[in-house]
Protein backbone atom coordinates (compact mmCIF):
# COMPACT_ATOMS: atom_id res chain seq x y z
CA UNK A 1 15.17 13.95 6.60
CA UNK A 2 11.42 14.68 5.43
CA UNK A 3 9.07 16.32 7.39
CA UNK A 4 5.49 15.38 8.07
CA UNK A 5 3.28 17.53 9.86
CA UNK A 6 0.89 15.92 12.54
CA UNK A 7 -2.03 16.02 10.11
CA UNK A 8 -1.18 13.57 7.62
CA UNK A 9 -3.14 11.04 5.03
CA UNK A 10 -3.01 7.27 5.28
CA UNK A 11 -3.05 5.63 2.03
CA UNK A 12 -4.04 1.88 2.10
CA UNK A 13 -4.07 -0.15 -1.19
CA UNK A 14 -5.32 -3.62 -1.10
CA UNK A 15 -4.30 -6.10 -3.85
CA UNK A 16 -3.49 -9.54 -4.44
CA UNK A 17 0.04 -11.13 -4.07
CA UNK A 18 -0.31 -12.16 -7.58
CA UNK A 19 -1.16 -9.02 -9.28
CA UNK A 20 1.47 -7.50 -11.72
CA UNK A 21 2.35 -4.56 -13.31
CA UNK A 22 4.91 -4.89 -16.25
CA UNK A 23 6.06 -8.31 -14.96
CA UNK A 24 6.66 -7.14 -11.45
CA UNK A 25 4.55 -7.62 -8.44
CA UNK A 26 2.33 -4.81 -8.23
CA UNK A 27 2.80 -4.18 -4.44
CA UNK A 28 6.58 -3.88 -5.44
CA UNK A 29 5.99 -1.46 -8.19
CA UNK A 30 3.87 0.63 -5.82
CA UNK A 31 6.63 0.83 -3.45
CA UNK A 32 9.28 1.51 -6.10
CA UNK A 33 7.21 4.37 -7.32
CA UNK A 34 6.67 5.74 -3.77
CA UNK A 35 10.39 5.64 -3.33
CA UNK A 36 10.99 7.45 -6.77
CA UNK A 37 8.46 10.04 -5.60
CA UNK A 38 10.30 10.78 -2.25
CA UNK A 39 7.32 9.70 -0.20
CA UNK A 40 7.83 9.52 3.60
CA UNK A 41 7.89 5.73 3.59
CA UNK A 42 5.68 2.60 2.72
CA UNK A 43 5.06 -0.75 4.11
CA UNK A 44 3.73 -3.96 2.52
CA UNK A 45 1.63 -6.16 4.80
CA UNK A 46 0.78 -9.62 3.66
CA UNK A 47 -2.34 -11.29 4.91
CA UNK A 48 -2.83 -14.74 5.83
CA UNK A 49 -6.63 -14.72 4.76
CA UNK A 50 -9.04 -12.53 2.87
CA UNK A 51 -11.53 -11.97 0.12
CA UNK A 52 -12.49 -9.04 -1.88
CA UNK A 53 -15.06 -7.91 -4.51
CA UNK A 54 -15.47 -11.36 -6.06
CA UNK A 55 -15.77 -12.97 -2.49
CA UNK A 56 -13.32 -15.38 -3.46
CA UNK A 57 -11.70 -16.71 -0.35
CA UNK A 58 -7.81 -16.65 -0.27
CA UNK A 59 -5.97 -18.33 2.65
CA UNK A 60 -2.71 -19.90 3.59
CA UNK A 61 -4.02 -22.58 5.02
CA UNK A 62 -2.05 -25.90 4.21
CA UNK A 63 -5.07 -27.46 2.48
CA UNK A 64 -6.31 -24.38 0.45
CA UNK A 65 -2.99 -22.77 -0.14
CA UNK A 66 -3.65 -19.58 -2.19
CA UNK A 67 -0.95 -18.24 -4.58
CA UNK A 68 -2.69 -14.81 -4.31
CA UNK A 69 -2.81 -13.69 -0.73
CA UNK A 70 -4.03 -10.61 0.07
CA UNK A 71 -1.42 -7.78 0.44
CA UNK A 72 -1.69 -4.04 1.72
CA UNK A 73 0.63 -1.20 0.97
CA UNK A 74 0.33 1.58 3.57
CA UNK A 75 1.75 4.75 3.05
CA UNK A 76 1.65 7.92 5.42
CA UNK A 77 2.59 11.44 3.92
CA UNK A 78 0.84 14.84 3.62
CA UNK A 79 -2.34 15.17 1.75
CA UNK A 80 -0.78 16.89 -1.57
CA UNK A 81 1.87 14.34 -1.85
CA UNK A 82 -0.64 11.49 -1.35
CA UNK A 83 -2.82 13.00 -3.96
CA UNK A 84 0.01 13.43 -6.32
CA UNK A 85 1.00 9.68 -5.67
CA UNK A 86 -2.57 8.48 -6.42
CA UNK A 87 -2.50 10.15 -9.83
CA UNK A 88 0.54 8.01 -10.81
CA UNK A 89 -0.61 4.73 -9.42
CA UNK A 90 -4.39 4.62 -10.17
CA UNK A 91 -3.51 3.37 -13.52
CA UNK A 92 -1.31 0.44 -11.96
CA UNK A 93 -4.22 -0.94 -10.10
CA UNK A 94 -6.50 -3.00 -12.23
CA UNK A 95 -8.41 -4.51 -9.51
CA UNK A 96 -8.37 -4.04 -5.71
CA UNK A 97 -9.23 -1.35 -3.09
CA UNK A 98 -7.61 1.93 -2.29
CA UNK A 99 -8.69 3.88 0.71
CA UNK A 100 -7.45 7.48 1.92
CA UNK A 101 -8.07 8.57 5.38
CA UNK A 102 -6.92 11.28 7.79
CA UNK A 103 -3.94 10.30 10.25
CA UNK A 104 -2.39 11.92 13.20
CA UNK A 105 1.44 11.40 13.17
CA UNK A 106 2.64 11.16 16.55
CA UNK A 107 6.45 10.34 15.67
CA UNK A 108 8.29 9.96 12.44
CA UNK A 109 12.02 9.02 12.58
CA UNK A 110 13.92 8.02 15.57
CA UNK A 111 14.36 10.16 19.06
CA UNK A 112 17.94 10.95 17.98
CA UNK A 113 17.65 12.50 14.55
């Protein structure tokens, strides 16, 4: 089992559901790369509504159904591992937002590890 110290980094990658990387959904390509690089874990969150740099509203409302809803990929790991991961995925993200912030890990894994 991978160990993460209490002081870690939270990486958030905001992209559109319709964004692609080599004919694959971008969020999926990011998670696959995270797994290949043995990151501690990754979670994809799909937003029902949002807008970004272009201020175009994306929504899941029935009358304005968007095919490009907001998606956030979150990854928590050590600063060094996050930095190495960023070097790999930066070229994959043509548009979107990437944030990096300090995080305190309270628990990683189950109580009975």
